[in-house]
Amino acid sequence: MLAVLALLAGCATGSPDAADALATSGWARASSSPPADSRWTHLSFPGKRASRYAPQRKDGRDALMVSAVSSASMVRRQVRVEPEALGRLQFSWLVPGMIDAADMTRRESDDSPVRLILAFEGDRSTFSAKDAMLSELAEAITGEPLPYATLMYVWSNRRPIESVIINPRTSRIRKLVMETGPDKVGRWLNYERDVRADFVKAYGEQPGALLSIGLMTDTDNTRSEASAWYGPVRMLPAQ
């Protein structure tokens, strides 16, 4: 539960040198999205072992490598993109192998080898009593309330591509399946997504402003190991 509450409201971790290496890396420079002065930051979750993130060159491209060992943490960049300015999102990843025991529909096994995470602004007064309580608890623990809505692009073991998975703990986190099963492991996969259309598909309403972009590989629930590489993340302007 703490990991869910802190999903997009963690605490910065790591040494200043490591933070500078991430923020000034070729991968970070290639991951362009407004505002220009917002830095990528490694965030931990209360009570969770942190995964290891490191900029690398992989197969001739700038990448962010992550290694998770019974762990969960994320790399996040805070942004502000107003609804009318939302365009298309470009990203890529390479997954060497699946997390065999992962099942994102179940609380006890909600892990994924890759996640790209978007947090959106909205009217929290419409929250259910449960989600309002979770938001208040998140703010008390982390200093930030639960985002109005979170959209994740994920790789599932079994769920169909383009299906939507509602988080088993809160309906304010929804996952859109990009890949399923092991058929495409071991190679770079590239995506370009219409953020507005994907939000409407997941939530049935128009999005508010985009507040942050994050990446996460997590194995804390299944107590397993996983690694992945993320390519640069680019938000293209609306046409």
C-alpha atoms as a PDB file:
ATOM      1  CA  MET A   1       0.000   0.000   0.000  1.00  0.00           C
ATOM      2  CA  LEU A   2       2.825   2.421   0.809  1.00  0.00           C
ATOM      3  CA  ALA A   3       4.288   1.908  -2.660  1.00  0.00           C
ATOM      4  CA  VAL A   4       0.958   2.819  -4.245  1.00  0.00           C
ATOM      5  CA  LEU A   5       0.605   5.925  -2.069  1.00  0.00           C
ATOM      6  CA  ALA A   6       4.133   6.990  -2.933  1.00  0.00           C
ATOM      7  CA  LEU A   7       3.975   5.967  -6.588  1.00  0.00           C
ATOM      8  CA  LEU A   8       4.414   9.481  -7.911  1.00  0.00           C
ATOM      9  CA  ALA A   9       5.245  11.192  -4.623  1.00  0.00           C
ATOM     10  CA  GLY A  10       8.524   9.680  -3.498  1.00  0.00           C
ATOM     11  CA  CYS A  11      11.608  11.034  -1.830  1.00  0.00           C
ATOM     12  CA  ALA A  12      14.745  11.825  -3.790  1.00  0.00           C
ATOM     13  CA  THR A  13      17.522   9.335  -3.103  1.00  0.00           C
ATOM     14  CA  GLY A  14      21.117   8.713  -3.998  1.00  0.00           C
ATOM     15  CA  SER A  15      24.226  10.853  -3.856  1.00  0.00           C
ATOM     16  CA  PRO A  16      24.394  14.314  -5.472  1.00  0.00           C
ATOM     17  CA  ASP A  17      26.987  12.966  -7.913  1.00  0.00           C
ATOM     18  CA  ALA A  18      24.652  10.158  -9.009  1.00  0.00           C
ATOM     19  CA  ALA A  19      21.777  12.630  -9.398  1.00  0.00           C
ATOM     20  CA  ASP A  20      23.948  14.910 -11.535  1.00  0.00           C
ATOM     21  CA  ALA A  21      25.086  11.963 -13.663  1.00  0.00           C
ATOM     22  CA  LEU A  22      21.471  11.042 -14.354  1.00  0.00           C
ATOM     23  CA  ALA A  23      20.270  14.592 -14.994  1.00  0.00           C
ATOM     24  CA  THR A  24      23.157  15.470 -17.340  1.00  0.00           C
ATOM     25  CA  SER A  25      23.369  12.138 -19.170  1.00  0.00           C
ATOM     26  CA  GLY A  26      22.894  11.728 -22.904  1.00  0.00           C
ATOM     27  CA  TRP A  27      19.677   9.844 -22.174  1.00  0.00           C
ATOM     28  CA  ALA A  28      18.295  12.763 -20.123  1.00  0.00           C
ATOM     29  CA  ARG A  29      19.300  15.312 -22.755  1.00  0.00           C
ATOM     30  CA  ALA A  30      17.556  13.238 -25.426  1.00  0.00           C
ATOM     31  CA  SER A  31      14.419  12.923 -23.281  1.00  0.00           C
ATOM     32  CA  SER A  32      12.940  16.293 -24.124  1.00  0.00           C
ATOM     33  CA  SER A  33       9.714  17.608 -22.645  1.00  0.00           C
ATOM     34  CA  PRO A  34       8.765  20.964 -21.140  1.00  0.00           C
ATOM     35  CA  PRO A  35       9.838  22.662 -18.960  1.00  0.00           C
ATOM     36  CA  ALA A  36      13.432  22.720 -20.124  1.00  0.00           C
ATOM     37  CA  ASP A  37      14.849  23.186 -16.612  1.00  0.00           C
ATOM     38  CA  SER A  38      13.078  20.203 -15.028  1.00  0.00           C
ATOM     39  CA  ARG A  39      15.506  17.420 -14.054  1.00  0.00           C
ATOM     40  CA  TRP A  40      15.059  13.669 -14.017  1.00  0.00           C
ATOM     41  CA  THR A  41      15.237  12.506 -10.386  1.00  0.00           C
ATOM     42  CA  HIS A  42      15.482   9.076  -8.759  1.00  0.00           C
ATOM     43  CA  LEU A  43      12.642   8.604  -6.260  1.00  0.00           C
ATOM     44  CA  SER A  44      12.313   5.961  -3.569  1.00  0.00           C
ATOM     45  CA  PHE A  45       9.210   4.624  -1.819  1.00  0.00           C
ATOM     46  CA  PRO A  46       8.831   4.401   1.964  1.00  0.00           C
ATOM     47  CA  GLY A  47       9.764   0.960   3.222  1.00  0.00           C
ATOM     48  CA  LYS A  48      10.914  -0.297  -0.196  1.00  0.00           C
ATOM     49  CA  ARG A  49      14.364  -1.262  -1.430  1.00  0.00           C
ATOM     50  CA  ALA A  50      15.350   1.003  -4.324  1.00  0.00           C
ATOM     51  CA  SER A  51      16.053  -0.344  -7.792  1.00  0.00           C
ATOM     52  CA  ARG A  52      19.296   0.718  -9.493  1.00  0.00           C
ATOM     53  CA  TYR A  53      19.126   3.130 -12.431  1.00  0.00           C
ATOM     54  CA  ALA A  54      22.151   4.106 -14.528  1.00  0.00           C
ATOM     55  CA  PRO A  55      22.570   5.926 -17.868  1.00  0.00           C
ATOM     56  CA  GLN A  56      24.283   3.719 -20.461  1.00  0.00           C
ATOM     57  CA  ARG A  57      24.871   3.306 -24.164  1.00  0.00           C
ATOM     58  CA  LYS A  58      22.984   0.231 -25.368  1.00  0.00           C
ATOM     59  CA  ASP A  59      23.152  -1.023 -28.948  1.00  0.00           C
ATOM     60  CA  GLY A  60      24.375   2.365 -30.139  1.00  0.00           C
ATOM     61  CA  ARG A  61      21.689   4.447 -28.455  1.00  0.00           C
ATOM     62  CA  ASP A  62      21.391   6.459 -25.259  1.00  0.00           C
ATOM     63  CA  ALA A  63      19.512   4.440 -22.657  1.00  0.00           C
ATOM     64  CA  LEU A  64      18.636   4.222 -18.987  1.00  0.00           C
ATOM     65  CA  MET A  65      19.398   0.801 -17.509  1.00  0.00           C
ATOM     66  CA  VAL A  66      17.459  -0.437 -14.480  1.00  0.00           C
ATOM     67  CA  SER A  67      18.089  -3.467 -12.293  1.00  0.00           C
ATOM     68  CA  ALA A  68      15.418  -4.468  -9.758  1.00  0.00           C
ATOM     69  CA  VAL A  69      16.042  -7.074  -7.042  1.00  0.00           C
ATOM     70  CA  SER A  70      12.930  -7.420  -4.855  1.00  0.00           C
ATOM     71  CA  SER A  71      12.757  -3.655  -5.209  1.00  0.00           C
ATOM     72  CA  ALA A  72      10.696  -0.724  -6.450  1.00  0.00           C
ATOM     73  CA  SER A  73      11.674   2.885  -7.153  1.00  0.00           C
ATOM     74  CA  MET A  74      11.297   5.193 -10.099  1.00  0.00           C
ATOM     75  CA  VAL A  75      12.891   7.925 -12.158  1.00  0.00           C
ATOM     76  CA  ARG A  76      10.598  10.923 -12.623  1.00  0.00           C
ATOM     77  CA  ARG A  77      10.558  14.288 -14.324  1.00  0.00           C
ATOM     78  CA  GLN A  78       8.030  16.917 -13.282  1.00  0.00           C
ATOM     79  CA  VAL A  79       6.442  18.811 -16.162  1.00  0.00           C
ATOM     80  CA  ARG A  80       3.355  20.845 -16.856  1.00  0.00           C
ATOM     81  CA  VAL A  81       1.644  20.340 -20.197  1.00  0.00           C
ATOM     82  CA  GLU A  82      -1.818  21.885 -20.432  1.00  0.00           C
ATOM     83  CA  PRO A  83      -4.604  19.703 -21.881  1.00  0.00           C
ATOM     84  CA  GLU A  84      -4.766  21.610 -25.172  1.00  0.00           C
ATOM     85  CA  ALA A  85      -1.000  21.182 -25.629  1.00  0.00           C
ATOM     86  CA  LEU A  86      -0.951  17.402 -25.142  1.00  0.00           C
ATOM     87  CA  GLY A  87       0.559  15.764 -28.199  1.00  0.00           C
ATOM     88  CA  ARG A  88       2.108  12.402 -28.927  1.00  0.00           C
ATOM     89  CA  LEU A  89       4.565  10.573 -26.694  1.00  0.00           C
ATOM     90  CA  GLN A  90       7.581   8.704 -28.083  1.00  0.00           C
ATOM     91  CA  PHE A  91       9.368   6.087 -25.994  1.00  0.00           C
ATOM     92  CA  SER A  92      11.162   2.769 -26.312  1.00  0.00           C
ATOM     93  CA  TRP A  93      12.359  -0.096 -24.149  1.00  0.00           C
ATOM     94  CA  LEU A  94      14.253  -3.356 -24.249  1.00  0.00           C
ATOM     95  CA  VAL A  95      13.184  -6.157 -21.895  1.00  0.00           C
ATOM     96  CA  PRO A  96      15.556  -9.159 -21.593  1.00  0.00           C
ATOM     97  CA  GLY A  97      12.985 -11.382 -19.881  1.00  0.00           C
ATOM     98  CA  MET A  98       9.611 -11.520 -18.178  1.00  0.00           C
ATOM     99  CA  ILE A  99       8.739 -11.620 -14.475  1.00  0.00           C
ATOM    100  CA  ASP A 100       7.138 -15.066 -14.429  1.00  0.00           C
ATOM    101  CA  ALA A 101       5.026 -14.578 -11.288  1.00  0.00           C
ATOM    102  CA  ALA A 102       3.809 -11.052 -12.125  1.00  0.00           C
ATOM    103  CA  ASP A 103       0.078 -10.360 -12.490  1.00  0.00           C
ATOM    104  CA  MET A 104      -0.917  -6.688 -12.517  1.00  0.00           C
ATOM    105  CA  THR A 105      -4.539  -7.518 -11.716  1.00  0.00           C
ATOM    106  CA  ARG A 106      -3.570  -8.845  -8.250  1.00  0.00           C
ATOM    107  CA  ARG A 107      -2.247  -6.846  -5.300  1.00  0.00           C
ATOM    108  CA  GLU A 108       0.279  -9.451  -4.219  1.00  0.00           C
ATOM    109  CA  SER A 109       1.924  -9.777  -7.659  1.00  0.00           C
ATOM    110  CA  ASP A 110       1.543  -6.316  -9.215  1.00  0.00           C
ATOM    111  CA  ASP A 111       5.015  -6.030 -10.799  1.00  0.00           C
ATOM    112  CA  SER A 112       6.082  -5.137 -14.332  1.00  0.00           C
ATOM    113  CA  PRO A 113       9.428  -5.322 -16.175  1.00  0.00           C
ATOM    114  CA  VAL A 114       8.764  -1.848 -17.603  1.00  0.00           C
ATOM    115  CA  ARG A 115       6.364   0.984 -16.867  1.00  0.00           C
ATOM    116  CA  LEU A 116       6.094   4.451 -18.365  1.00  0.00           C
ATOM    117  CA  ILE A 117       3.992   6.529 -15.963  1.00  0.00           C
ATOM    118  CA  LEU A 118       2.030   9.731 -16.638  1.00  0.00           C
ATOM    119  CA  ALA A 119       0.368  11.699 -13.814  1.00  0.00           C
ATOM    120  CA  PHE A 120      -2.468  14.145 -14.508  1.00  0.00           C
ATOM    121  CA  GLU A 121      -4.178  17.020 -12.753  1.00  0.00           C
ATOM    122  CA  GLY A 122      -7.923  16.948 -12.078  1.00  0.00           C
ATOM    123  CA  ASP A 123     -10.727  17.615  -9.636  1.00  0.00           C
ATOM    124  CA  ARG A 124      -9.988  15.558  -6.522  1.00  0.00           C
ATOM    125  CA  SER A 125     -13.375  16.527  -5.072  1.00  0.00           C
ATOM    126  CA  THR A 126     -14.824  13.808  -7.308  1.00  0.00           C
ATOM    127  CA  PHE A 127     -12.748  11.091  -5.589  1.00  0.00           C
ATOM    128  CA  SER A 128     -14.537   8.229  -3.911  1.00  0.00           C
ATOM    129  CA  ALA A 129     -14.259   8.125  -0.118  1.00  0.00           C
ATOM    130  CA  LYS A 130     -11.574   5.430  -0.437  1.00  0.00           C
ATOM    131  CA  ASP A 131      -9.484   7.393  -2.936  1.00  0.00           C
ATOM    132  CA  ALA A 132      -9.864  10.616  -0.923  1.00  0.00           C
ATOM    133  CA  MET A 133      -8.516   8.790   2.117  1.00  0.00           C
ATOM    134  CA  LEU A 134      -5.620   7.383   0.090  1.00  0.00           C
ATOM    135  CA  SER A 135      -4.799  10.846  -1.255  1.00  0.00           C
ATOM    136  CA  GLU A 136      -4.738  12.328   2.248  1.00  0.00           C
ATOM    137  CA  LEU A 137      -2.564   9.483   3.499  1.00  0.00           C
ATOM    138  CA  ALA A 138      -0.186   9.872   0.549  1.00  0.00           C
ATOM    139  CA  GLU A 139       0.206  13.577   1.297  1.00  0.00           C
ATOM    140  CA  ALA A 140       0.851  12.883   4.975  1.00  0.00           C
ATOM    141  CA  ILE A 141       3.531  10.296   4.153  1.00  0.00           C
ATOM    142  CA  THR A 142       5.214  11.878   1.135  1.00  0.00           C
ATOM    143  CA  GLY A 143       4.197  15.541   1.052  1.00  0.00           C
ATOM    144  CA  GLU A 144       2.307  15.104  -2.229  1.00  0.00           C
ATOM    145  CA  PRO A 145      -1.318  14.008  -2.695  1.00  0.00           C
ATOM    146  CA  LEU A 146      -2.293  11.091  -4.914  1.00  0.00           C
ATOM    147  CA  PRO A 147      -2.465  12.404  -8.503  1.00  0.00           C
ATOM    148  CA  TYR A 148      -5.979  12.823  -9.841  1.00  0.00           C
ATOM    149  CA  ALA A 149      -5.247  10.203 -12.475  1.00  0.00           C
ATOM    150  CA  THR A 150      -2.241   8.082 -13.404  1.00  0.00           C
ATOM    151  CA  LEU A 151      -1.851   6.354 -16.761  1.00  0.00           C
ATOM    152  CA  MET A 152       0.817   3.675 -17.182  1.00  0.00           C
ATOM    153  CA  TYR A 153       2.100   1.988 -20.318  1.00  0.00           C
ATOM    154  CA  VAL A 154       3.122  -1.539 -19.286  1.00  0.00           C
ATOM    155  CA  TRP A 155       4.198  -5.004 -20.458  1.00  0.00           C
ATOM    156  CA  SER A 156       1.894  -7.751 -19.194  1.00  0.00           C
ATOM    157  CA  ASN A 157       2.409 -11.493 -18.945  1.00  0.00           C
ATOM    158  CA  ARG A 158      -1.075 -12.396 -20.194  1.00  0.00           C
ATOM    159  CA  ARG A 159      -3.456  -9.482 -20.723  1.00  0.00           C
ATOM    160  CA  PRO A 160      -4.271  -8.544 -24.359  1.00  0.00           C
ATOM    161  CA  ILE A 161      -2.418  -5.695 -26.035  1.00  0.00           C
ATOM    162  CA  GLU A 162      -4.369  -2.396 -25.772  1.00  0.00           C
ATOM    163  CA  SER A 163      -6.399  -3.666 -22.809  1.00  0.00           C
ATOM    164  CA  VAL A 164      -6.782  -1.485 -19.706  1.00  0.00           C
ATOM    165  CA  ILE A 165      -5.938  -2.831 -16.234  1.00  0.00           C
ATOM    166  CA  ILE A 166      -7.359  -0.957 -13.247  1.00  0.00           C
ATOM    167  CA  ASN A 167      -5.021  -0.999 -10.275  1.00  0.00           C
ATOM    168  CA  PRO A 168      -6.342  -3.427  -7.654  1.00  0.00           C
ATOM    169  CA  ARG A 169      -5.832  -0.855  -4.870  1.00  0.00           C
ATOM    170  CA  THR A 170      -7.210   2.337  -6.465  1.00  0.00           C
ATOM    171  CA  SER A 171      -9.121   3.199  -9.630  1.00  0.00           C
ATOM    172  CA  ARG A 172      -6.988   6.342  -9.995  1.00  0.00           C
ATOM    173  CA  ILE A 173      -4.145   4.257 -11.444  1.00  0.00           C
ATOM    174  CA  ARG A 174      -4.856   2.532 -14.773  1.00  0.00           C
ATOM    175  CA  LYS A 175      -2.494   0.595 -17.041  1.00  0.00           C
ATOM    176  CA  LEU A 176      -2.574   0.314 -20.809  1.00  0.00           C
ATOM    177  CA  VAL A 177      -0.929  -2.876 -22.086  1.00  0.00           C
ATOM    178  CA  MET A 178       1.649  -2.303 -24.829  1.00  0.00           C
ATOM    179  CA  GLU A 179       3.018  -5.863 -25.025  1.00  0.00           C
ATOM    180  CA  THR A 180       2.014  -9.234 -23.654  1.00  0.00           C
ATOM    181  CA  GLY A 181       4.006 -12.416 -23.169  1.00  0.00           C
ATOM    182  CA  PRO A 182       7.632 -13.161 -24.033  1.00  0.00           C
ATOM    183  CA  ASP A 183       7.560 -13.101 -27.844  1.00  0.00           C
ATOM    184  CA  LYS A 184       9.306  -9.710 -28.193  1.00  0.00           C
ATOM    185  CA  VAL A 185      11.824  -9.896 -25.356  1.00  0.00           C
ATOM    186  CA  GLY A 186      15.462  -9.149 -26.122  1.00  0.00           C
ATOM    187  CA  ARG A 187      14.969  -6.392 -28.693  1.00  0.00           C
ATOM    188  CA  TRP A 188      14.253  -2.702 -28.785  1.00  0.00           C
ATOM    189  CA  LEU A 189      10.591  -1.807 -29.226  1.00  0.00           C
ATOM    190  CA  ASN A 190       9.587   1.731 -30.222  1.00  0.00           C
ATOM    191  CA  TYR A 191       6.247   3.436 -29.568  1.00  0.00           C
ATOM    192  CA  GLU A 192       4.457   6.663 -30.445  1.00  0.00           C
ATOM    193  CA  ARG A 193       1.212   7.184 -28.545  1.00  0.00           C
ATOM    194  CA  ASP A 194      -1.591   9.758 -28.640  1.00  0.00           C
ATOM    195  CA  VAL A 195      -1.668  10.713 -24.956  1.00  0.00           C
ATOM    196  CA  ARG A 196      -5.122  12.290 -25.046  1.00  0.00           C
ATOM    197  CA  ALA A 197      -6.701   9.321 -26.843  1.00  0.00           C
ATOM    198  CA  ASP A 198      -5.057   6.851 -24.463  1.00  0.00           C
ATOM    199  CA  PHE A 199      -6.276   8.781 -21.411  1.00  0.00           C
ATOM    200  CA  VAL A 200      -9.827   8.849 -22.751  1.00  0.00           C
ATOM    201  CA  LYS A 201      -9.628   5.121 -23.455  1.00  0.00           C
ATOM    202  CA  ALA A 202      -8.459   4.392 -19.909  1.00  0.00           C
ATOM    203  CA  TYR A 203     -10.664   6.832 -17.979  1.00  0.00           C
ATOM    204  CA  GLY A 204     -13.600   7.723 -20.240  1.00  0.00           C
ATOM    205  CA  GLU A 205     -13.026  11.460 -19.821  1.00  0.00           C
ATOM    206  CA  GLN A 206     -10.757  14.198 -21.136  1.00  0.00           C
ATOM    207  CA  PRO A 207      -7.367  14.618 -19.394  1.00  0.00           C
ATOM    208  CA  GLY A 208      -6.256  17.505 -17.257  1.00  0.00           C
ATOM    209  CA  ALA A 209      -2.750  18.919 -17.372  1.00  0.00           C
ATOM    210  CA  LEU A 210       0.137  16.432 -17.483  1.00  0.00           C
ATOM    211  CA  LEU A 211       2.184  16.868 -14.294  1.00  0.00           C
ATOM    212  CA  SER A 212       4.963  14.277 -14.493  1.00  0.00           C
ATOM    213  CA  ILE A 213       6.546  11.522 -16.561  1.00  0.00           C
ATOM    214  CA  GLY A 214       8.133   8.528 -14.841  1.00  0.00           C
ATOM    215  CA  LEU A 215       9.796   5.183 -15.525  1.00  0.00           C
ATOM    216  CA  MET A 216       9.730   2.186 -13.214  1.00  0.00           C
ATOM    217  CA  THR A 217      10.786  -1.465 -13.190  1.00  0.00           C
ATOM    218  CA  ASP A 218       9.559  -3.171 -10.019  1.00  0.00           C
ATOM    219  CA  THR A 219       9.874  -6.639  -8.485  1.00  0.00           C
ATOM    220  CA  ASP A 220       8.997  -5.944  -4.842  1.00  0.00           C
ATOM    221  CA  ASN A 221       5.723  -7.882  -4.798  1.00  0.00           C
ATOM    222  CA  THR A 222       7.008 -11.042  -6.498  1.00  0.00           C
ATOM    223  CA  ARG A 223      10.368 -10.894  -4.671  1.00  0.00           C
ATOM    224  CA  SER A 224      12.145 -11.528  -7.954  1.00  0.00           C
ATOM    225  CA  GLU A 225      14.767  -9.949 -10.227  1.00  0.00           C
ATOM    226  CA  ALA A 226      14.358  -8.056 -13.492  1.00  0.00           C
ATOM    227  CA  SER A 227      16.293  -5.663 -15.687  1.00  0.00           C
ATOM    228  CA  ALA A 228      15.438  -3.411 -18.620  1.00  0.00           C
ATOM    229  CA  TRP A 229      16.668  -0.526 -20.735  1.00  0.00           C
ATOM    230  CA  TYR A 230      14.589   2.568 -21.511  1.00  0.00           C
ATOM    231  CA  GLY A 231      15.276   4.751 -24.516  1.00  0.00           C
ATOM    232  CA  PRO A 232      14.738   8.528 -24.490  1.00  0.00           C
ATOM    233  CA  VAL A 233      11.239   9.792 -23.742  1.00  0.00           C
ATOM    234  CA  ARG A 234       9.963  12.649 -25.912  1.00  0.00           C
ATOM    235  CA  MET A 235       6.700  14.577 -25.725  1.00  0.00           C
ATOM    236  CA  LEU A 236       5.869  15.962 -29.168  1.00  0.00           C
ATOM    237  CA  PRO A 237       3.850  19.191 -29.419  1.00  0.00           C
ATOM    238  CA  ALA A 238       0.184  19.031 -30.350  1.00  0.00           C
ATOM    239  CA  GLN A 239      -0.464  19.484 -34.066  1.00  0.00           C
END
